[in-house]
Amino acid sequence: MTVAIVRSPSISVSHKERQRRKRYLYATLITCISLAMIGGSLHVVRLGAVRMEDMRQMASYDLKEEKARIRAAGEDIMLHEQHEAGTLAKRTYTPVEAEELLTREQWETLGTMVMIPAGPFVMGTNNDRADDQDKPAHEVNLPA
């Protein structure tokens, strides 16, 4: 598509006026681009704020404790390997610390016994993602 600019011979624009119009056009374009960038940035910030609020509402723990829960990549794996190898330092609790680990109701339920009826039941799982010690699912008969 070709656009032809037709100038009327009766309208003459001075060089000074042409420069002024050119600067006005450039200023308008720069203003529009700047406003688009600012508007886009504000939109992205708003989306981020909404997403953060969604994440806070879905958190399973108090986010004020977040720094204590963040671990470096691989740290859990390393701790697990140390635990399995028995090289982790043993952690002991004072009686006061041990009591604070559970609520009073939880401590009381530890002393209760649950009656399991005699007879067969399925123990274990065939789930591929289960640990080896939990496989396979098999029937166990609990004698009376």
N, C-alpha and C. Protein backbone atom coordinates (compact mmCIF):
# COMPACT_ATOMS: atom_id res chain seq x y z
N MET A 1 0.85 -1.16 0.00
CA MET A 1 0.00 0.00 0.00
C MET A 1 0.90 1.23 0.00
N THR A 2 0.64 2.12 -0.88
CA THR A 2 1.43 3.33 -1.01
C THR A 2 0.59 4.51 -0.59
N VAL A 3 1.15 5.36 0.22
CA VAL A 3 0.45 6.55 0.68
C VAL A 3 1.16 7.75 0.07
N ALA A 4 0.39 8.55 -0.57
CA ALA A 4 0.96 9.76 -1.17
C ALA A 4 0.56 10.95 -0.35
N ILE A 5 1.51 11.77 -0.04
CA ILE A 5 1.24 12.98 0.72
C ILE A 5 1.12 14.11 -0.29
N VAL A 6 -0.03 14.72 -0.25
CA VAL A 6 -0.28 15.82 -1.19
C VAL A 6 -0.24 17.11 -0.42
N ARG A 7 0.60 18.01 -0.86
CA ARG A 7 0.70 19.31 -0.20
C ARG A 7 -0.03 20.34 -1.06
N SER A 8 -0.73 21.12 -0.37
CA SER A 8 -1.44 22.19 -1.07
C SER A 8 -0.46 23.33 -1.32
N PRO A 9 -0.42 23.83 -2.52
CA PRO A 9 0.53 24.90 -2.81
C PRO A 9 0.24 26.18 -2.06
N SER A 10 -1.00 26.35 -1.61
CA SER A 10 -1.33 27.59 -0.92
C SER A 10 -0.88 27.60 0.54
N ILE A 11 -0.63 26.39 1.13
CA ILE A 11 -0.20 26.32 2.54
C ILE A 11 1.31 26.14 2.56
N SER A 12 1.97 27.10 3.06
CA SER A 12 3.41 26.96 3.21
C SER A 12 3.75 27.01 4.68
N VAL A 13 4.57 26.07 5.07
CA VAL A 13 4.97 25.97 6.48
C VAL A 13 6.44 26.33 6.54
N SER A 14 6.73 27.23 7.43
CA SER A 14 8.12 27.66 7.56
C SER A 14 8.97 26.55 8.18
N HIS A 15 10.25 26.66 7.99
CA HIS A 15 11.18 25.69 8.55
C HIS A 15 11.07 25.66 10.08
N LYS A 16 10.92 26.80 10.68
CA LYS A 16 10.79 26.90 12.14
C LYS A 16 9.53 26.21 12.62
N GLU A 17 8.41 26.39 11.90
CA GLU A 17 7.13 25.75 12.26
C GLU A 17 7.25 24.24 12.09
N ARG A 18 7.92 23.78 11.03
CA ARG A 18 8.10 22.35 10.79
C ARG A 18 8.90 21.71 11.93
N GLN A 19 9.93 22.37 12.40
CA GLN A 19 10.74 21.89 13.52
C GLN A 19 9.91 21.83 14.80
N ARG A 20 9.09 22.83 15.02
CA ARG A 20 8.23 22.87 16.21
C ARG A 20 7.25 21.70 16.19
N ARG A 21 6.62 21.45 15.04
CA ARG A 21 5.68 20.34 14.91
C ARG A 21 6.38 18.98 15.10
N LYS A 22 7.57 18.87 14.59
CA LYS A 22 8.35 17.65 14.73
C LYS A 22 8.66 17.37 16.20
N ARG A 23 9.08 18.39 16.93
CA ARG A 23 9.34 18.24 18.37
C ARG A 23 8.06 17.87 19.12
N TYR A 24 6.95 18.48 18.73
CA TYR A 24 5.66 18.18 19.36
C TYR A 24 5.29 16.71 19.11
N LEU A 25 5.48 16.22 17.88
CA LEU A 25 5.18 14.83 17.55
C LEU A 25 6.08 13.88 18.36
N TYR A 26 7.39 14.16 18.44
CA TYR A 26 8.29 13.33 19.22
C TYR A 26 7.91 13.34 20.70
N ALA A 27 7.57 14.49 21.24
CA ALA A 27 7.17 14.59 22.66
C ALA A 27 5.91 13.77 22.90
N THR A 28 4.98 13.82 21.95
CA THR A 28 3.73 13.05 22.08
C THR A 28 4.03 11.55 22.07
N LEU A 29 4.87 11.11 21.15
CA LEU A 29 5.22 9.68 21.08
C LEU A 29 5.93 9.22 22.34
N ILE A 30 6.88 10.00 22.83
CA ILE A 30 7.60 9.63 24.05
C ILE A 30 6.66 9.58 25.24
N THR A 31 5.72 10.52 25.32
CA THR A 31 4.74 10.53 26.42
C THR A 31 3.86 9.28 26.36
N CYS A 32 3.41 8.92 25.16
CA CYS A 32 2.56 7.72 25.02
C CYS A 32 3.32 6.45 25.40
N ILE A 33 4.55 6.33 24.94
CA ILE A 33 5.35 5.15 25.28
C ILE A 33 5.61 5.09 26.78
N SER A 34 5.92 6.24 27.37
CA SER A 34 6.17 6.28 28.82
C SER A 34 4.93 5.88 29.60
N LEU A 35 3.78 6.40 29.21
CA LEU A 35 2.54 6.05 29.90
C LEU A 35 2.22 4.57 29.75
N ALA A 36 2.47 4.00 28.57
CA ALA A 36 2.23 2.58 28.37
C ALA A 36 3.16 1.74 29.26
N MET A 37 4.41 2.15 29.38
CA MET A 37 5.35 1.41 30.22
C MET A 37 4.98 1.51 31.70
N ILE A 38 4.59 2.70 32.12
CA ILE A 38 4.18 2.89 33.53
C ILE A 38 2.92 2.08 33.81
N GLY A 39 1.95 2.15 32.90
CA GLY A 39 0.71 1.39 33.08
C GLY A 39 0.97 -0.11 33.12
N GLY A 40 1.84 -0.60 32.24
CA GLY A 40 2.19 -2.02 32.25
C GLY A 40 2.87 -2.43 33.53
N SER A 41 3.77 -1.59 34.02
CA SER A 41 4.48 -1.89 35.27
C SER A 41 3.50 -1.94 36.44
N LEU A 42 2.59 -0.99 36.50
CA LEU A 42 1.59 -0.99 37.58
C LEU A 42 0.71 -2.23 37.50
N HIS A 43 0.38 -2.65 36.30
CA HIS A 43 -0.43 -3.85 36.13
C HIS A 43 0.31 -5.08 36.64
N VAL A 44 1.59 -5.21 36.31
CA VAL A 44 2.38 -6.34 36.76
C VAL A 44 2.52 -6.33 38.28
N VAL A 45 2.74 -5.17 38.87
CA VAL A 45 2.84 -5.07 40.33
C VAL A 45 1.53 -5.49 40.98
N ARG A 46 0.42 -5.06 40.42
CA ARG A 46 -0.90 -5.42 40.96
C ARG A 46 -1.13 -6.93 40.86
N LEU A 47 -0.77 -7.53 39.72
CA LEU A 47 -0.91 -8.98 39.58
C LEU A 47 -0.05 -9.71 40.61
N GLY A 48 1.16 -9.21 40.83
CA GLY A 48 2.04 -9.82 41.82
C GLY A 48 1.47 -9.73 43.23
N ALA A 49 0.88 -8.58 43.54
CA ALA A 49 0.28 -8.41 44.87
C ALA A 49 -0.89 -9.36 45.07
N VAL A 50 -1.70 -9.52 44.04
CA VAL A 50 -2.85 -10.43 44.12
C VAL A 50 -2.35 -11.86 44.30
N ARG A 51 -1.32 -12.24 43.55
CA ARG A 51 -0.78 -13.60 43.65
C ARG A 51 -0.17 -13.85 45.03
N MET A 52 0.54 -12.87 45.57
CA MET A 52 1.11 -13.03 46.91
C MET A 52 0.02 -13.21 47.95
N GLU A 53 -1.06 -12.45 47.82
CA GLU A 53 -2.17 -12.59 48.77
C GLU A 53 -2.78 -13.99 48.66
N ASP A 54 -2.93 -14.49 47.43
CA ASP A 54 -3.44 -15.85 47.25
C ASP A 54 -2.52 -16.87 47.92
N MET A 55 -1.21 -16.68 47.77
CA MET A 55 -0.26 -17.61 48.36
C MET A 55 -0.30 -17.54 49.89
N ARG A 56 -0.45 -16.34 50.43
CA ARG A 56 -0.53 -16.20 51.89
C ARG A 56 -1.75 -16.93 52.44
N GLN A 57 -2.87 -16.86 51.72
CA GLN A 57 -4.08 -17.51 52.18
C GLN A 57 -3.98 -19.02 52.09
N MET A 58 -3.15 -19.54 51.18
CA MET A 58 -3.01 -20.98 51.02
C MET A 58 -1.90 -21.56 51.90
N ALA A 59 -1.12 -20.73 52.55
CA ALA A 59 0.00 -21.21 53.35
C ALA A 59 -0.51 -22.07 54.49
N SER A 60 0.22 -23.15 54.76
CA SER A 60 -0.19 -24.06 55.82
C SER A 60 0.47 -23.73 57.15
N TYR A 61 1.22 -22.64 57.20
CA TYR A 61 1.87 -22.23 58.44
C TYR A 61 1.90 -20.71 58.48
N ASP A 62 2.19 -20.17 59.64
CA ASP A 62 2.24 -18.73 59.81
C ASP A 62 3.43 -18.18 59.05
N LEU A 63 3.19 -17.25 58.15
CA LEU A 63 4.26 -16.73 57.30
C LEU A 63 5.31 -15.95 58.08
N LYS A 64 5.01 -15.58 59.31
CA LYS A 64 6.02 -14.91 60.14
C LYS A 64 7.15 -15.88 60.48
N GLU A 65 6.87 -17.20 60.38
CA GLU A 65 7.88 -18.22 60.66
C GLU A 65 8.61 -18.64 59.39
N GLU A 66 8.36 -17.98 58.28
CA GLU A 66 8.88 -18.42 56.98
C GLU A 66 10.40 -18.54 56.97
N LYS A 67 11.12 -17.59 57.55
CA LYS A 67 12.58 -17.63 57.52
C LYS A 67 13.11 -18.88 58.20
N ALA A 68 12.41 -19.37 59.21
CA ALA A 68 12.86 -20.57 59.90
C ALA A 68 12.58 -21.82 59.08
N ARG A 69 11.71 -21.74 58.08
CA ARG A 69 11.33 -22.90 57.29
C ARG A 69 12.05 -23.00 55.96
N ILE A 70 12.66 -21.92 55.49
CA ILE A 70 13.33 -21.93 54.19
C ILE A 70 14.65 -22.66 54.31
N ARG A 71 14.89 -23.56 53.36
CA ARG A 71 16.15 -24.30 53.34
C ARG A 71 16.76 -24.17 51.96
N ALA A 72 18.05 -24.29 51.91
CA ALA A 72 18.76 -24.23 50.63
C ALA A 72 18.45 -25.48 49.81
N ALA A 73 18.64 -25.36 48.50
CA ALA A 73 18.39 -26.50 47.61
C ALA A 73 19.27 -27.67 48.05
N GLY A 74 18.66 -28.82 48.23
CA GLY A 74 19.40 -30.02 48.60
C GLY A 74 19.63 -30.19 50.08
N GLU A 75 19.29 -29.20 50.89
CA GLU A 75 19.56 -29.31 52.33
C GLU A 75 18.75 -30.44 52.95
N ASP A 76 17.48 -30.59 52.53
CA ASP A 76 16.66 -31.68 53.07
C ASP A 76 17.25 -33.04 52.72
N ILE A 77 17.76 -33.16 51.49
CA ILE A 77 18.36 -34.42 51.06
C ILE A 77 19.59 -34.72 51.91
N MET A 78 20.43 -33.71 52.12
CA MET A 78 21.63 -33.90 52.91
C MET A 78 21.27 -34.29 54.35
N LEU A 79 20.29 -33.61 54.95
CA LEU A 79 19.88 -33.94 56.31
C LEU A 79 19.34 -35.37 56.40
N HIS A 80 18.57 -35.77 55.38
CA HIS A 80 18.02 -37.12 55.36
C HIS A 80 19.15 -38.15 55.28
N GLU A 81 20.14 -37.90 54.41
CA GLU A 81 21.26 -38.83 54.27
C GLU A 81 22.05 -38.92 55.57
N GLN A 82 22.25 -37.78 56.24
CA GLN A 82 22.96 -37.80 57.52
C GLN A 82 22.17 -38.57 58.56
N HIS A 83 20.86 -38.38 58.56
CA HIS A 83 20.00 -39.09 59.51
C HIS A 83 20.07 -40.60 59.28
N GLU A 84 19.95 -40.99 58.00
CA GLU A 84 20.00 -42.41 57.67
C GLU A 84 21.35 -43.02 58.03
N ALA A 85 22.42 -42.25 57.87
CA ALA A 85 23.76 -42.76 58.19
C ALA A 85 24.05 -42.73 59.68
N GLY A 86 23.19 -42.08 60.45
CA GLY A 86 23.38 -42.00 61.89
C GLY A 86 24.44 -40.99 62.29
N THR A 87 24.76 -40.06 61.42
CA THR A 87 25.81 -39.08 61.73
C THR A 87 25.26 -37.77 62.27
N LEU A 88 23.95 -37.62 62.31
CA LEU A 88 23.38 -36.40 62.89
C LEU A 88 23.51 -36.44 64.41
N ALA A 89 23.75 -35.30 64.99
CA ALA A 89 23.84 -35.22 66.45
C ALA A 89 22.47 -35.54 67.04
N LYS A 90 22.47 -36.32 68.08
CA LYS A 90 21.22 -36.67 68.75
C LYS A 90 20.67 -35.45 69.47
N ARG A 91 19.39 -35.20 69.29
CA ARG A 91 18.74 -34.06 69.94
C ARG A 91 17.97 -34.58 71.13
N THR A 92 18.24 -34.05 72.29
CA THR A 92 17.49 -34.42 73.48
C THR A 92 16.71 -33.21 73.96
N TYR A 93 15.65 -33.46 74.66
CA TYR A 93 14.79 -32.40 75.18
C TYR A 93 14.76 -32.46 76.69
N THR A 94 14.65 -31.29 77.29
CA THR A 94 14.41 -31.25 78.73
C THR A 94 12.95 -31.62 78.94
N PRO A 95 12.58 -32.03 80.16
CA PRO A 95 11.16 -32.36 80.39
C PRO A 95 10.22 -31.19 80.05
N VAL A 96 10.64 -29.98 80.31
CA VAL A 96 9.80 -28.81 80.01
C VAL A 96 9.64 -28.67 78.49
N GLU A 97 10.73 -28.81 77.75
CA GLU A 97 10.66 -28.71 76.28
C GLU A 97 9.78 -29.81 75.71
N ALA A 98 9.91 -31.02 76.26
CA ALA A 98 9.11 -32.15 75.76
C ALA A 98 7.63 -31.90 75.98
N GLU A 99 7.27 -31.35 77.13
CA GLU A 99 5.85 -31.07 77.40
C GLU A 99 5.29 -30.01 76.47
N GLU A 100 6.14 -29.07 76.04
CA GLU A 100 5.68 -28.00 75.16
C GLU A 100 5.50 -28.47 73.72
N LEU A 101 5.99 -29.65 73.39
CA LEU A 101 5.87 -30.16 72.02
C LEU A 101 4.43 -30.48 71.65
N LEU A 102 3.64 -30.92 72.61
CA LEU A 102 2.25 -31.29 72.35
C LEU A 102 1.32 -30.54 73.30
N THR A 103 0.07 -30.43 72.90
CA THR A 103 -0.93 -29.82 73.79
C THR A 103 -1.30 -30.84 74.87
N ARG A 104 -1.98 -30.38 75.89
CA ARG A 104 -2.41 -31.26 76.98
C ARG A 104 -3.29 -32.39 76.46
N GLU A 105 -4.21 -32.05 75.52
CA GLU A 105 -5.11 -33.06 74.95
C GLU A 105 -4.32 -34.12 74.18
N GLN A 106 -3.30 -33.69 73.46
CA GLN A 106 -2.48 -34.64 72.71
C GLN A 106 -1.71 -35.56 73.63
N TRP A 107 -1.19 -35.02 74.74
CA TRP A 107 -0.48 -35.87 75.70
C TRP A 107 -1.43 -36.89 76.30
N GLU A 108 -2.67 -36.48 76.57
CA GLU A 108 -3.64 -37.41 77.18
C GLU A 108 -4.00 -38.54 76.23
N THR A 109 -4.09 -38.27 74.92
CA THR A 109 -4.45 -39.32 73.97
C THR A 109 -3.32 -40.32 73.76
N LEU A 110 -2.09 -39.96 74.11
CA LEU A 110 -0.98 -40.89 73.96
C LEU A 110 -1.12 -42.09 74.88
N GLY A 111 -1.76 -41.91 76.01
CA GLY A 111 -1.92 -42.99 76.97
C GLY A 111 -3.12 -43.87 76.70
N THR A 112 -3.92 -43.56 75.69
CA THR A 112 -5.11 -44.37 75.43
C THR A 112 -4.78 -45.51 74.48
N MET A 113 -5.56 -46.55 74.59
CA MET A 113 -5.38 -47.70 73.70
C MET A 113 -6.58 -47.79 72.79
N VAL A 114 -6.35 -48.29 71.59
CA VAL A 114 -7.42 -48.46 70.61
C VAL A 114 -7.60 -49.95 70.39
N MET A 115 -8.84 -50.40 70.48
CA MET A 115 -9.12 -51.82 70.27
C MET A 115 -9.22 -52.09 68.77
N ILE A 116 -8.49 -53.08 68.33
CA ILE A 116 -8.53 -53.50 66.93
C ILE A 116 -9.22 -54.86 66.90
N PRO A 117 -10.29 -54.98 66.13
CA PRO A 117 -11.01 -56.26 66.12
C PRO A 117 -10.16 -57.37 65.51
N ALA A 118 -10.34 -58.58 66.02
CA ALA A 118 -9.62 -59.75 65.48
C ALA A 118 -10.12 -60.02 64.08
N GLY A 119 -9.25 -60.61 63.26
CA GLY A 119 -9.63 -60.96 61.90
C GLY A 119 -8.63 -60.46 60.89
N PRO A 120 -8.93 -60.68 59.63
CA PRO A 120 -7.99 -60.30 58.58
C PRO A 120 -8.08 -58.81 58.23
N PHE A 121 -6.96 -58.25 57.80
CA PHE A 121 -6.92 -56.88 57.28
C PHE A 121 -5.75 -56.77 56.32
N VAL A 122 -5.81 -55.77 55.45
CA VAL A 122 -4.75 -55.58 54.46
C VAL A 122 -3.71 -54.64 55.05
N MET A 123 -2.46 -55.06 54.98
CA MET A 123 -1.35 -54.27 55.51
C MET A 123 -0.40 -53.96 54.36
N GLY A 124 0.09 -52.74 54.27
CA GLY A 124 1.02 -52.36 53.21
C GLY A 124 0.30 -51.76 52.01
N THR A 125 1.07 -51.56 50.93
CA THR A 125 0.52 -50.94 49.73
C THR A 125 1.26 -51.43 48.50
N ASN A 126 0.62 -51.33 47.35
CA ASN A 126 1.26 -51.63 46.08
C ASN A 126 1.54 -50.36 45.30
N ASN A 127 1.39 -49.22 45.94
CA ASN A 127 1.62 -47.93 45.29
C ASN A 127 3.09 -47.83 44.89
N ASP A 128 3.34 -47.47 43.62
CA ASP A 128 4.72 -47.35 43.11
C ASP A 128 5.54 -46.33 43.88
N ARG A 129 4.88 -45.29 44.39
CA ARG A 129 5.60 -44.21 45.05
C ARG A 129 5.85 -44.48 46.54
N ALA A 130 5.34 -45.60 47.04
CA ALA A 130 5.51 -45.92 48.46
C ALA A 130 6.94 -46.40 48.73
N ASP A 131 7.34 -46.30 49.98
CA ASP A 131 8.67 -46.79 50.39
C ASP A 131 8.68 -48.32 50.31
N ASP A 132 9.88 -48.87 50.10
CA ASP A 132 10.02 -50.32 49.94
C ASP A 132 9.52 -51.09 51.17
N GLN A 133 9.75 -50.53 52.36
CA GLN A 133 9.34 -51.27 53.57
C GLN A 133 7.82 -51.35 53.70
N ASP A 134 7.07 -50.54 52.93
CA ASP A 134 5.62 -50.57 52.99
C ASP A 134 5.01 -51.47 51.92
N LYS A 135 5.83 -52.10 51.10
CA LYS A 135 5.35 -52.94 50.01
C LYS A 135 5.58 -54.40 50.35
N PRO A 136 4.88 -55.28 49.79
CA PRO A 136 3.65 -55.17 49.02
C PRO A 136 2.44 -55.18 49.95
N ALA A 137 1.29 -54.91 49.39
CA ALA A 137 0.05 -55.06 50.17
C ALA A 137 -0.17 -56.54 50.40
N HIS A 138 -0.46 -56.91 51.63
CA HIS A 138 -0.69 -58.32 51.94
C HIS A 138 -1.69 -58.44 53.07
N GLU A 139 -2.34 -59.59 53.12
CA GLU A 139 -3.37 -59.80 54.15
C GLU A 139 -2.72 -60.37 55.40
N VAL A 140 -3.12 -59.80 56.53
CA VAL A 140 -2.62 -60.24 57.83
C VAL A 140 -3.84 -60.63 58.66
N ASN A 141 -3.74 -61.73 59.38
CA ASN A 141 -4.85 -62.17 60.21
C ASN A 141 -4.49 -61.93 61.68
N LEU A 142 -5.26 -61.10 62.32
CA LEU A 142 -5.03 -60.78 63.75
C LEU A 142 -5.83 -61.79 64.58
N PRO A 143 -5.16 -62.66 65.31
CA PRO A 143 -5.89 -63.68 66.09
C PRO A 143 -6.65 -63.06 67.26
N ALA A 144 -7.68 -63.74 67.66
CA ALA A 144 -8.52 -63.25 68.77
C ALA A 144 -7.87 -63.50 70.09
